[in-house]
Amino acid sequence: MAALPSLRQLSYLVTLSETLHFTEAARRSFVTQSTLSGGIMELERLLGGVLVERDRQNVRLTPLGEQVVTRARVLLADAQDLMRLSREMSEPLTGDLHLGIIPTIAPFILTQLLTAVQTQLPRIKLHLHEAQSEKILEGLEHGSLDMVVLALPFDTHGLKVKEIATEKLFIVCNRNDKQTIQAKTIDDLDLSRLILLEEGHCLRDHALSVCPINDRKNDSRLKASSLPTLLEMVLADLGFTMLPEIAIQNANLMSHEKLLIHPIKNPPERTLALITRKSTPLQTEFDLLQQILVTISQTILSENAKYLDKQ
């Protein structure tokens, strides 16, 4: 049988693809630069092709190198799952669990989530990673994350998905914004004044998917990186925004008397979901975490509904 590439050699190439710098890739791999270079050269020999182009200024992957990196990521993630499967069989519900959460969900569930996991899964050490949807899905596919929480619709092809809750997106405006307050439906709104999160946030995509506009119609200056920044812009009467239902009662967001939650007919919705790889060995943890998140979301949305009824 012909010699096969080792996981270590593949990991060297993947790390180099992320850094495009031999010294930094060696540092991250905890080996010397000569060891990393030798490992990649041996990988090239085994595969019979050049994977990396090198000169004094630049390091870049060849087309073959890019294809090998794509497949190597899958192999490395599967190898990690294999190790986790062995641990799961001998010691279920123990060890580290890396969970990615998007910024428009994380701040509103983390306290309850950490408390619930500590109580119900005391031998699980939960590591939280907050990032935009594409970034955490990339981490999931590469094996650095075990599960992710994000909002649908989003492309989750080839992954295992469990829904947590469906929530509305509410219009939030300044109390002096008479035009927005008079609107009854999406079509009545002046969508040129809709302030959105910057590109990369799925909440932006969800808003645009239900609004008959494109990015050119929105003021390119008025894009925020977080929900609190969006609301500061609304406070300054620069326009109105859309806020997810799960965030409505958060004291830091809605405590200002100049902000108004304005109801409209048939508001847009998004679905919160827990996602993992189909090959995950952590099926029990996946099921239990989904149940925890469902309970947390139901509690928050119920409390927010009561809060909205009083407005």
C-alpha atoms as a PDB file:
ATOM      1  CA  MET A   1       0.000   0.000   0.000  1.00  0.00           C
ATOM      2  CA  ALA A   2       1.359   3.418  -0.959  1.00  0.00           C
ATOM      3  CA  ALA A   3       2.393   5.770   1.824  1.00  0.00           C
ATOM      4  CA  LEU A   4      -0.374   8.171   2.882  1.00  0.00           C
ATOM      5  CA  PRO A   5      -0.146  11.760   4.117  1.00  0.00           C
ATOM      6  CA  SER A   6      -0.212  12.105   7.893  1.00  0.00           C
ATOM      7  CA  LEU A   7      -2.701  14.242   9.780  1.00  0.00           C
ATOM      8  CA  ARG A   8       0.223  16.256  11.119  1.00  0.00           C
ATOM      9  CA  GLN A   9       1.426  17.066   7.601  1.00  0.00           C
ATOM     10  CA  LEU A  10      -2.086  18.079   6.591  1.00  0.00           C
ATOM     11  CA  SER A  11      -2.432  20.258   9.686  1.00  0.00           C
ATOM     12  CA  TYR A  12       0.824  22.041   8.780  1.00  0.00           C
ATOM     13  CA  LEU A  13      -0.573  22.860   5.342  1.00  0.00           C
ATOM     14  CA  VAL A  14      -3.920  24.044   6.732  1.00  0.00           C
ATOM     15  CA  THR A  15      -2.193  26.301   9.257  1.00  0.00           C
ATOM     16  CA  LEU A  16       0.080  27.709   6.549  1.00  0.00           C
ATOM     17  CA  SER A  17      -2.979  28.432   4.391  1.00  0.00           C
ATOM     18  CA  GLU A  18      -4.407  30.501   7.242  1.00  0.00           C
ATOM     19  CA  THR A  19      -1.242  32.507   7.890  1.00  0.00           C
ATOM     20  CA  LEU A  20       0.585  32.469   4.532  1.00  0.00           C
ATOM     21  CA  HIS A  21       3.718  32.856   6.661  1.00  0.00           C
ATOM     22  CA  PHE A  22       6.036  29.954   7.528  1.00  0.00           C
ATOM     23  CA  THR A  23       7.301  31.410  10.807  1.00  0.00           C
ATOM     24  CA  GLU A  24       3.801  32.167  12.111  1.00  0.00           C
ATOM     25  CA  ALA A  25       2.468  28.793  10.927  1.00  0.00           C
ATOM     26  CA  ALA A  26       5.311  27.036  12.753  1.00  0.00           C
ATOM     27  CA  ARG A  27       4.601  29.029  15.917  1.00  0.00           C
ATOM     28  CA  ARG A  28       0.915  28.069  15.832  1.00  0.00           C
ATOM     29  CA  SER A  29       1.849  24.442  15.194  1.00  0.00           C
ATOM     30  CA  PHE A  30       4.353  24.442  18.113  1.00  0.00           C
ATOM     31  CA  VAL A  31       7.203  23.236  15.887  1.00  0.00           C
ATOM     32  CA  THR A  32      10.277  24.800  14.340  1.00  0.00           C
ATOM     33  CA  GLN A  33      10.041  26.403  10.932  1.00  0.00           C
ATOM     34  CA  SER A  34      12.325  23.739   9.452  1.00  0.00           C
ATOM     35  CA  THR A  35      10.062  20.992  10.824  1.00  0.00           C
ATOM     36  CA  LEU A  36       6.977  22.600   9.294  1.00  0.00           C
ATOM     37  CA  SER A  37       8.720  23.222   5.959  1.00  0.00           C
ATOM     38  CA  GLY A  38       9.987  19.640   5.898  1.00  0.00           C
ATOM     39  CA  GLY A  39       6.519  18.296   6.631  1.00  0.00           C
ATOM     40  CA  ILE A  40       4.977  20.252   3.767  1.00  0.00           C
ATOM     41  CA  MET A  41       7.779  19.223   1.377  1.00  0.00           C
ATOM     42  CA  GLU A  42       7.207  15.566   2.296  1.00  0.00           C
ATOM     43  CA  LEU A  43       3.468  16.083   1.704  1.00  0.00           C
ATOM     44  CA  GLU A  44       4.237  17.505  -1.743  1.00  0.00           C
ATOM     45  CA  ARG A  45       6.411  14.481  -2.471  1.00  0.00           C
ATOM     46  CA  LEU A  46       3.699  12.045  -1.402  1.00  0.00           C
ATOM     47  CA  LEU A  47       1.043  13.818  -3.475  1.00  0.00           C
ATOM     48  CA  GLY A  48       3.315  14.354  -6.449  1.00  0.00           C
ATOM     49  CA  GLY A  49       2.640  18.062  -6.906  1.00  0.00           C
ATOM     50  CA  VAL A  50       3.533  21.537  -5.701  1.00  0.00           C
ATOM     51  CA  LEU A  51       1.192  22.778  -2.990  1.00  0.00           C
ATOM     52  CA  VAL A  52       2.863  26.047  -1.994  1.00  0.00           C
ATOM     53  CA  GLU A  53       4.610  28.726  -4.041  1.00  0.00           C
ATOM     54  CA  ARG A  54       7.412  30.422  -2.100  1.00  0.00           C
ATOM     55  CA  ASP A  55       9.610  33.446  -2.683  1.00  0.00           C
ATOM     56  CA  ARG A  56      11.259  36.002  -0.395  1.00  0.00           C
ATOM     57  CA  GLN A  57       8.194  38.204  -0.166  1.00  0.00           C
ATOM     58  CA  ASN A  58       5.177  35.961  -0.585  1.00  0.00           C
ATOM     59  CA  VAL A  59       3.708  32.586   0.213  1.00  0.00           C
ATOM     60  CA  ARG A  60       0.673  31.398  -1.731  1.00  0.00           C
ATOM     61  CA  LEU A  61      -1.143  28.150  -2.332  1.00  0.00           C
ATOM     62  CA  THR A  62      -1.221  26.596  -5.775  1.00  0.00           C
ATOM     63  CA  PRO A  63      -4.602  25.463  -7.181  1.00  0.00           C
ATOM     64  CA  LEU A  64      -3.686  21.929  -6.078  1.00  0.00           C
ATOM     65  CA  GLY A  65      -2.747  23.265  -2.646  1.00  0.00           C
ATOM     66  CA  GLU A  66      -6.138  24.943  -2.254  1.00  0.00           C
ATOM     67  CA  GLN A  67      -7.958  21.709  -3.115  1.00  0.00           C
ATOM     68  CA  VAL A  68      -5.809  19.722  -0.703  1.00  0.00           C
ATOM     69  CA  VAL A  69      -6.485  22.256   2.092  1.00  0.00           C
ATOM     70  CA  THR A  70     -10.254  21.949   1.522  1.00  0.00           C
ATOM     71  CA  ARG A  71     -10.112  18.173   1.843  1.00  0.00           C
ATOM     72  CA  ALA A  72      -7.600  18.299   4.682  1.00  0.00           C
ATOM     73  CA  ARG A  73      -9.969  20.408   6.784  1.00  0.00           C
ATOM     74  CA  VAL A  74     -12.635  17.713   6.456  1.00  0.00           C
ATOM     75  CA  LEU A  75     -10.176  14.939   7.355  1.00  0.00           C
ATOM     76  CA  LEU A  76      -8.891  16.840  10.389  1.00  0.00           C
ATOM     77  CA  ALA A  77     -12.432  17.589  11.604  1.00  0.00           C
ATOM     78  CA  ASP A  78     -13.361  13.905  11.188  1.00  0.00           C
ATOM     79  CA  ALA A  79     -10.241  12.888  13.108  1.00  0.00           C
ATOM     80  CA  GLN A  80     -11.216  15.196  15.968  1.00  0.00           C
ATOM     81  CA  ASP A  81     -14.715  13.715  15.946  1.00  0.00           C
ATOM     82  CA  LEU A  82     -13.164  10.243  16.120  1.00  0.00           C
ATOM     83  CA  MET A  83     -11.266  11.213  19.257  1.00  0.00           C
ATOM     84  CA  ARG A  84     -14.400  12.739  20.749  1.00  0.00           C
ATOM     85  CA  LEU A  85     -16.390   9.591  19.923  1.00  0.00           C
ATOM     86  CA  SER A  86     -13.975   7.483  21.959  1.00  0.00           C
ATOM     87  CA  ARG A  87     -14.271   9.850  24.906  1.00  0.00           C
ATOM     88  CA  GLU A  88     -18.051  10.007  24.556  1.00  0.00           C
ATOM     89  CA  MET A  89     -18.321   6.230  24.702  1.00  0.00           C
ATOM     90  CA  SER A  90     -16.191   5.958  27.836  1.00  0.00           C
ATOM     91  CA  GLU A  91     -17.194   9.201  29.600  1.00  0.00           C
ATOM     92  CA  PRO A  92     -20.412  10.686  28.204  1.00  0.00           C
ATOM     93  CA  LEU A  93     -21.326  14.317  28.894  1.00  0.00           C
ATOM     94  CA  THR A  94     -17.820  15.320  29.921  1.00  0.00           C
ATOM     95  CA  GLY A  95     -15.026  17.525  28.623  1.00  0.00           C
ATOM     96  CA  ASP A  96     -14.837  20.674  26.509  1.00  0.00           C
ATOM     97  CA  LEU A  97     -17.635  21.845  24.233  1.00  0.00           C
ATOM     98  CA  HIS A  98     -16.940  24.772  21.895  1.00  0.00           C
ATOM     99  CA  LEU A  99     -20.104  26.691  20.985  1.00  0.00           C
ATOM    100  CA  GLY A 100     -20.274  29.521  18.442  1.00  0.00           C
ATOM    101  CA  ILE A 101     -23.040  32.146  18.734  1.00  0.00           C
ATOM    102  CA  ILE A 102     -23.808  35.146  16.529  1.00  0.00           C
ATOM    103  CA  PRO A 103     -23.735  38.668  18.091  1.00  0.00           C
ATOM    104  CA  THR A 104     -27.482  39.299  17.624  1.00  0.00           C
ATOM    105  CA  ILE A 105     -28.298  36.307  19.867  1.00  0.00           C
ATOM    106  CA  ALA A 106     -25.374  35.899  22.270  1.00  0.00           C
ATOM    107  CA  PRO A 107     -25.908  38.871  24.656  1.00  0.00           C
ATOM    108  CA  PHE A 108     -29.522  37.918  25.311  1.00  0.00           C
ATOM    109  CA  ILE A 109     -29.114  34.244  26.260  1.00  0.00           C
ATOM    110  CA  LEU A 110     -25.593  33.835  27.664  1.00  0.00           C
ATOM    111  CA  THR A 111     -26.346  34.327  31.361  1.00  0.00           C
ATOM    112  CA  GLN A 112     -29.207  31.832  31.306  1.00  0.00           C
ATOM    113  CA  LEU A 113     -27.259  29.420  29.090  1.00  0.00           C
ATOM    114  CA  LEU A 114     -24.178  29.335  31.295  1.00  0.00           C
ATOM    115  CA  THR A 115     -26.304  28.808  34.410  1.00  0.00           C
ATOM    116  CA  ALA A 116     -28.337  26.029  32.794  1.00  0.00           C
ATOM    117  CA  VAL A 117     -25.293  24.162  31.452  1.00  0.00           C
ATOM    118  CA  GLN A 118     -23.531  24.408  34.803  1.00  0.00           C
ATOM    119  CA  THR A 119     -26.618  22.979  36.523  1.00  0.00           C
ATOM    120  CA  GLN A 120     -27.737  20.340  34.026  1.00  0.00           C
ATOM    121  CA  LEU A 121     -24.393  19.373  32.446  1.00  0.00           C
ATOM    122  CA  PRO A 122     -21.922  19.966  35.289  1.00  0.00           C
ATOM    123  CA  ARG A 123     -19.102  17.921  33.733  1.00  0.00           C
ATOM    124  CA  ILE A 124     -19.235  19.842  30.448  1.00  0.00           C
ATOM    125  CA  LYS A 125     -16.827  22.793  30.149  1.00  0.00           C
ATOM    126  CA  LEU A 126     -18.543  25.223  27.780  1.00  0.00           C
ATOM    127  CA  HIS A 127     -16.344  27.499  25.646  1.00  0.00           C
ATOM    128  CA  LEU A 128     -18.221  30.350  23.956  1.00  0.00           C
ATOM    129  CA  HIS A 129     -17.139  31.980  20.684  1.00  0.00           C
ATOM    130  CA  GLU A 130     -19.049  35.012  19.391  1.00  0.00           C
ATOM    131  CA  ALA A 131     -18.727  35.797  15.678  1.00  0.00           C
ATOM    132  CA  GLN A 132     -20.776  36.375  12.547  1.00  0.00           C
ATOM    133  CA  SER A 133     -22.602  33.478  10.901  1.00  0.00           C
ATOM    134  CA  GLU A 134     -20.088  32.706   8.151  1.00  0.00           C
ATOM    135  CA  LYS A 135     -17.204  32.723  10.612  1.00  0.00           C
ATOM    136  CA  ILE A 136     -18.766  30.333  13.115  1.00  0.00           C
ATOM    137  CA  LEU A 137     -19.982  27.989  10.380  1.00  0.00           C
ATOM    138  CA  GLU A 138     -16.449  27.947   9.026  1.00  0.00           C
ATOM    139  CA  GLY A 139     -15.209  27.024  12.505  1.00  0.00           C
ATOM    140  CA  LEU A 140     -17.830  24.275  12.715  1.00  0.00           C
ATOM    141  CA  GLU A 141     -16.863  22.794   9.361  1.00  0.00           C
ATOM    142  CA  HIS A 142     -13.147  22.982  10.226  1.00  0.00           C
ATOM    143  CA  GLY A 143     -13.635  21.295  13.605  1.00  0.00           C
ATOM    144  CA  SER A 144     -12.647  24.196  15.874  1.00  0.00           C
ATOM    145  CA  LEU A 145     -16.287  24.521  16.983  1.00  0.00           C
ATOM    146  CA  ASP A 146     -18.579  21.663  18.017  1.00  0.00           C
ATOM    147  CA  MET A 147     -21.922  23.448  17.581  1.00  0.00           C
ATOM    148  CA  VAL A 148     -23.221  26.884  16.625  1.00  0.00           C
ATOM    149  CA  VAL A 149     -26.294  28.986  17.328  1.00  0.00           C
ATOM    150  CA  LEU A 150     -27.426  31.253  14.508  1.00  0.00           C
ATOM    151  CA  ALA A 151     -30.545  32.584  12.806  1.00  0.00           C
ATOM    152  CA  LEU A 152     -32.216  31.111   9.745  1.00  0.00           C
ATOM    153  CA  PRO A 153     -32.659  31.458   6.853  1.00  0.00           C
ATOM    154  CA  PHE A 154     -28.958  30.800   6.226  1.00  0.00           C
ATOM    155  CA  ASP A 155     -27.208  28.213   4.093  1.00  0.00           C
ATOM    156  CA  THR A 156     -26.691  25.167   6.335  1.00  0.00           C
ATOM    157  CA  HIS A 157     -26.399  22.583   3.558  1.00  0.00           C
ATOM    158  CA  GLY A 158     -24.786  19.350   4.732  1.00  0.00           C
ATOM    159  CA  LEU A 159     -25.170  20.181   8.430  1.00  0.00           C
ATOM    160  CA  LYS A 160     -27.488  18.917  11.166  1.00  0.00           C
ATOM    161  CA  VAL A 161     -30.024  21.584  12.196  1.00  0.00           C
ATOM    162  CA  LYS A 162     -32.430  21.754  15.138  1.00  0.00           C
ATOM    163  CA  GLU A 163     -34.750  24.729  15.480  1.00  0.00           C
ATOM    164  CA  ILE A 164     -34.885  26.562  18.809  1.00  0.00           C
ATOM    165  CA  ALA A 165     -37.520  29.268  18.351  1.00  0.00           C
ATOM    166  CA  THR A 166     -39.089  31.601  15.807  1.00  0.00           C
ATOM    167  CA  GLU A 167     -39.082  35.293  16.641  1.00  0.00           C
ATOM    168  CA  LYS A 168     -40.358  38.502  15.067  1.00  0.00           C
ATOM    169  CA  LEU A 169     -38.267  41.461  13.957  1.00  0.00           C
ATOM    170  CA  PHE A 170     -39.716  44.664  15.409  1.00  0.00           C
ATOM    171  CA  ILE A 171     -39.488  48.195  14.055  1.00  0.00           C
ATOM    172  CA  VAL A 172     -37.736  50.516  16.534  1.00  0.00           C
ATOM    173  CA  CYS A 173     -37.846  54.248  15.892  1.00  0.00           C
ATOM    174  CA  ASN A 174     -37.424  57.607  17.566  1.00  0.00           C
ATOM    175  CA  ARG A 175     -40.603  58.936  19.212  1.00  0.00           C
ATOM    176  CA  ASN A 176     -40.221  62.045  17.062  1.00  0.00           C
ATOM    177  CA  ASP A 177     -40.243  59.958  13.864  1.00  0.00           C
ATOM    178  CA  LYS A 178     -43.879  60.638  12.944  1.00  0.00           C
ATOM    179  CA  GLN A 179     -43.586  59.145   9.466  1.00  0.00           C
ATOM    180  CA  THR A 180     -42.466  55.749  10.764  1.00  0.00           C
ATOM    181  CA  ILE A 181     -45.016  55.767  13.585  1.00  0.00           C
ATOM    182  CA  GLN A 182     -47.825  56.198  11.054  1.00  0.00           C
ATOM    183  CA  ALA A 183     -46.728  53.157   9.028  1.00  0.00           C
ATOM    184  CA  LYS A 184     -48.991  50.104   9.195  1.00  0.00           C
ATOM    185  CA  THR A 185     -47.005  47.716   6.991  1.00  0.00           C
ATOM    186  CA  ILE A 186     -43.501  47.314   5.542  1.00  0.00           C
ATOM    187  CA  ASP A 187     -44.732  48.974   2.344  1.00  0.00           C
ATOM    188  CA  ASP A 188     -45.676  52.130   4.268  1.00  0.00           C
ATOM    189  CA  LEU A 189     -42.143  52.652   5.600  1.00  0.00           C
ATOM    190  CA  ASP A 190     -39.585  54.996   4.065  1.00  0.00           C
ATOM    191  CA  LEU A 191     -37.025  52.251   3.563  1.00  0.00           C
ATOM    192  CA  SER A 192     -34.313  54.732   2.614  1.00  0.00           C
ATOM    193  CA  ARG A 193     -34.225  55.550   6.361  1.00  0.00           C
ATOM    194  CA  LEU A 194     -33.810  51.928   7.452  1.00  0.00           C
ATOM    195  CA  ILE A 195     -30.520  51.626   9.372  1.00  0.00           C
ATOM    196  CA  LEU A 196     -28.898  48.191   9.210  1.00  0.00           C
ATOM    197  CA  LEU A 197     -25.986  46.281  10.638  1.00  0.00           C
ATOM    198  CA  GLU A 198     -22.904  46.144   8.447  1.00  0.00           C
ATOM    199  CA  GLU A 199     -22.321  43.408   5.878  1.00  0.00           C
ATOM    200  CA  GLY A 200     -21.743  39.957   7.311  1.00  0.00           C
ATOM    201  CA  HIS A 201     -24.549  40.060   9.887  1.00  0.00           C
ATOM    202  CA  CYS A 202     -27.406  37.725   8.997  1.00  0.00           C
ATOM    203  CA  LEU A 203     -29.872  40.136  10.646  1.00  0.00           C
ATOM    204  CA  ARG A 204     -29.026  42.594   7.862  1.00  0.00           C
ATOM    205  CA  ASP A 205     -29.761  39.931   5.246  1.00  0.00           C
ATOM    206  CA  HIS A 206     -33.029  39.005   6.943  1.00  0.00           C
ATOM    207  CA  ALA A 207     -34.136  42.650   6.919  1.00  0.00           C
ATOM    208  CA  LEU A 208     -33.198  43.132   3.280  1.00  0.00           C
ATOM    209  CA  SER A 209     -34.956  39.913   2.286  1.00  0.00           C
ATOM    210  CA  VAL A 210     -38.348  41.326   3.313  1.00  0.00           C
ATOM    211  CA  CYS A 211     -37.749  44.924   2.280  1.00  0.00           C
ATOM    212  CA  PRO A 212     -38.133  45.772  -1.444  1.00  0.00           C
ATOM    213  CA  ILE A 213     -34.869  47.714  -1.549  1.00  0.00           C
ATOM    214  CA  ASN A 214     -31.228  47.159  -2.313  1.00  0.00           C
ATOM    215  CA  ASP A 215     -28.098  48.439  -0.598  1.00  0.00           C
ATOM    216  CA  ARG A 216     -27.819  51.414  -2.966  1.00  0.00           C
ATOM    217  CA  LYS A 217     -31.016  52.881  -1.573  1.00  0.00           C
ATOM    218  CA  ASN A 218     -29.594  52.944   1.955  1.00  0.00           C
ATOM    219  CA  ASP A 219     -27.195  55.603   3.178  1.00  0.00           C
ATOM    220  CA  SER A 220     -23.837  53.789   3.151  1.00  0.00           C
ATOM    221  CA  ARG A 221     -22.703  55.857   6.136  1.00  0.00           C
ATOM    222  CA  LEU A 222     -25.405  54.402   8.363  1.00  0.00           C
ATOM    223  CA  LYS A 223     -24.217  50.876   9.067  1.00  0.00           C
ATOM    224  CA  ALA A 224     -23.466  49.639  12.564  1.00  0.00           C
ATOM    225  CA  SER A 225     -21.428  46.748  13.924  1.00  0.00           C
ATOM    226  CA  SER A 226     -23.747  46.074  16.894  1.00  0.00           C
ATOM    227  CA  LEU A 227     -27.341  46.475  18.032  1.00  0.00           C
ATOM    228  CA  PRO A 228     -26.490  49.118  20.680  1.00  0.00           C
ATOM    229  CA  THR A 229     -24.852  51.247  17.977  1.00  0.00           C
ATOM    230  CA  LEU A 230     -27.942  50.883  15.788  1.00  0.00           C
ATOM    231  CA  LEU A 231     -30.111  52.178  18.608  1.00  0.00           C
ATOM    232  CA  GLU A 232     -27.783  55.117  19.221  1.00  0.00           C
ATOM    233  CA  MET A 233     -28.342  56.085  15.595  1.00  0.00           C
ATOM    234  CA  VAL A 234     -32.101  55.815  16.116  1.00  0.00           C
ATOM    235  CA  LEU A 235     -31.808  57.984  19.235  1.00  0.00           C
ATOM    236  CA  ALA A 236     -30.111  60.599  17.059  1.00  0.00           C
ATOM    237  CA  ASP A 237     -33.162  60.403  14.750  1.00  0.00           C
ATOM    238  CA  LEU A 238     -31.073  59.265  11.794  1.00  0.00           C
ATOM    239  CA  GLY A 239     -33.674  56.672  10.862  1.00  0.00           C
ATOM    240  CA  PHE A 240     -35.315  53.511  12.185  1.00  0.00           C
ATOM    241  CA  THR A 241     -34.119  49.932  12.521  1.00  0.00           C
ATOM    242  CA  MET A 242     -35.285  46.359  13.053  1.00  0.00           C
ATOM    243  CA  LEU A 243     -34.654  44.659  16.384  1.00  0.00           C
ATOM    244  CA  PRO A 244     -35.029  40.910  17.044  1.00  0.00           C
ATOM    245  CA  GLU A 245     -37.719  39.992  19.526  1.00  0.00           C
ATOM    246  CA  ILE A 246     -35.247  38.253  21.826  1.00  0.00           C
ATOM    247  CA  ALA A 247     -33.530  41.618  22.428  1.00  0.00           C
ATOM    248  CA  ILE A 248     -36.621  43.729  23.142  1.00  0.00           C
ATOM    249  CA  GLN A 249     -36.575  43.715  26.943  1.00  0.00           C
ATOM    250  CA  ASN A 250     -32.819  44.008  27.328  1.00  0.00           C
ATOM    251  CA  ALA A 251     -32.325  46.946  29.699  1.00  0.00           C
ATOM    252  CA  ASN A 252     -29.258  48.262  27.922  1.00  0.00           C
ATOM    253  CA  LEU A 253     -31.094  48.476  24.609  1.00  0.00           C
ATOM    254  CA  MET A 254     -34.610  49.686  25.347  1.00  0.00           C
ATOM    255  CA  SER A 255     -34.339  51.757  28.516  1.00  0.00           C
ATOM    256  CA  HIS A 256     -34.223  55.119  26.728  1.00  0.00           C
ATOM    257  CA  GLU A 257     -37.538  57.001  26.738  1.00  0.00           C
ATOM    258  CA  LYS A 258     -36.982  58.343  23.208  1.00  0.00           C
ATOM    259  CA  LEU A 259     -37.082  54.856  21.694  1.00  0.00           C
ATOM    260  CA  LEU A 260     -40.368  53.387  20.538  1.00  0.00           C
ATOM    261  CA  ILE A 261     -41.187  49.832  19.466  1.00  0.00           C
ATOM    262  CA  HIS A 262     -43.611  50.332  16.580  1.00  0.00           C
ATOM    263  CA  PRO A 263     -45.827  47.361  15.625  1.00  0.00           C
ATOM    264  CA  ILE A 264     -46.650  46.674  11.981  1.00  0.00           C
ATOM    265  CA  LYS A 265     -48.815  44.041  10.305  1.00  0.00           C
ATOM    266  CA  ASN A 266     -47.083  40.782   9.353  1.00  0.00           C
ATOM    267  CA  PRO A 267     -43.648  41.645  10.758  1.00  0.00           C
ATOM    268  CA  PRO A 268     -40.673  39.712   9.362  1.00  0.00           C
ATOM    269  CA  GLU A 269     -39.403  36.709  11.310  1.00  0.00           C
ATOM    270  CA  ARG A 270     -36.246  34.693  11.804  1.00  0.00           C
ATOM    271  CA  THR A 271     -35.689  31.232  13.275  1.00  0.00           C
ATOM    272  CA  LEU A 272     -33.039  30.548  15.899  1.00  0.00           C
ATOM    273  CA  ALA A 273     -31.316  27.196  15.418  1.00  0.00           C
ATOM    274  CA  LEU A 274     -28.623  24.956  16.894  1.00  0.00           C
ATOM    275  CA  ILE A 275     -26.364  23.413  14.251  1.00  0.00           C
ATOM    276  CA  THR A 276     -23.634  20.793  14.220  1.00  0.00           C
ATOM    277  CA  ARG A 277     -21.841  18.463  11.812  1.00  0.00           C
ATOM    278  CA  LYS A 278     -23.708  15.360  10.680  1.00  0.00           C
ATOM    279  CA  SER A 279     -20.710  13.297  11.817  1.00  0.00           C
ATOM    280  CA  THR A 280     -20.715  14.729  15.343  1.00  0.00           C
ATOM    281  CA  PRO A 281     -20.053  12.232  18.148  1.00  0.00           C
ATOM    282  CA  LEU A 282     -21.784  14.627  20.548  1.00  0.00           C
ATOM    283  CA  GLN A 283     -25.373  13.758  19.653  1.00  0.00           C
ATOM    284  CA  THR A 284     -26.467  13.530  23.290  1.00  0.00           C
ATOM    285  CA  GLU A 285     -24.944  16.917  24.088  1.00  0.00           C
ATOM    286  CA  PHE A 286     -26.531  18.332  20.932  1.00  0.00           C
ATOM    287  CA  ASP A 287     -30.002  17.138  21.953  1.00  0.00           C
ATOM    288  CA  LEU A 288     -29.672  18.342  25.545  1.00  0.00           C
ATOM    289  CA  LEU A 289     -28.291  21.731  24.563  1.00  0.00           C
ATOM    290  CA  GLN A 290     -31.129  22.228  22.113  1.00  0.00           C
ATOM    291  CA  GLN A 291     -33.643  21.490  24.866  1.00  0.00           C
ATOM    292  CA  ILE A 292     -31.904  23.992  27.157  1.00  0.00           C
ATOM    293  CA  LEU A 293     -31.946  26.666  24.446  1.00  0.00           C
ATOM    294  CA  VAL A 294     -35.623  26.039  23.671  1.00  0.00           C
ATOM    295  CA  THR A 295     -36.529  26.543  27.336  1.00  0.00           C
ATOM    296  CA  ILE A 296     -34.420  29.716  27.602  1.00  0.00           C
ATOM    297  CA  SER A 297     -35.852  31.186  24.395  1.00  0.00           C
ATOM    298  CA  GLN A 298     -39.433  30.410  25.364  1.00  0.00           C
ATOM    299  CA  THR A 299     -38.936  32.127  28.720  1.00  0.00           C
ATOM    300  CA  ILE A 300     -37.343  35.229  27.183  1.00  0.00           C
ATOM    301  CA  LEU A 301     -39.924  35.562  24.409  1.00  0.00           C
ATOM    302  CA  SER A 302     -42.790  35.082  26.874  1.00  0.00           C
ATOM    303  CA  GLU A 303     -41.408  37.806  29.149  1.00  0.00           C
ATOM    304  CA  ASN A 304     -40.879  40.088  26.165  1.00  0.00           C
ATOM    305  CA  ALA A 305     -44.469  39.533  25.010  1.00  0.00           C
ATOM    306  CA  LYS A 306     -45.704  40.686  28.422  1.00  0.00           C
ATOM    307  CA  TYR A 307     -43.395  43.698  28.202  1.00  0.00           C
ATOM    308  CA  LEU A 308     -44.748  44.610  24.759  1.00  0.00           C
ATOM    309  CA  ASP A 309     -48.336  44.305  25.933  1.00  0.00           C
ATOM    310  CA  LYS A 310     -47.650  47.045  28.496  1.00  0.00           C
ATOM    311  CA  GLN A 311     -46.236  49.450  25.902  1.00  0.00           C
END
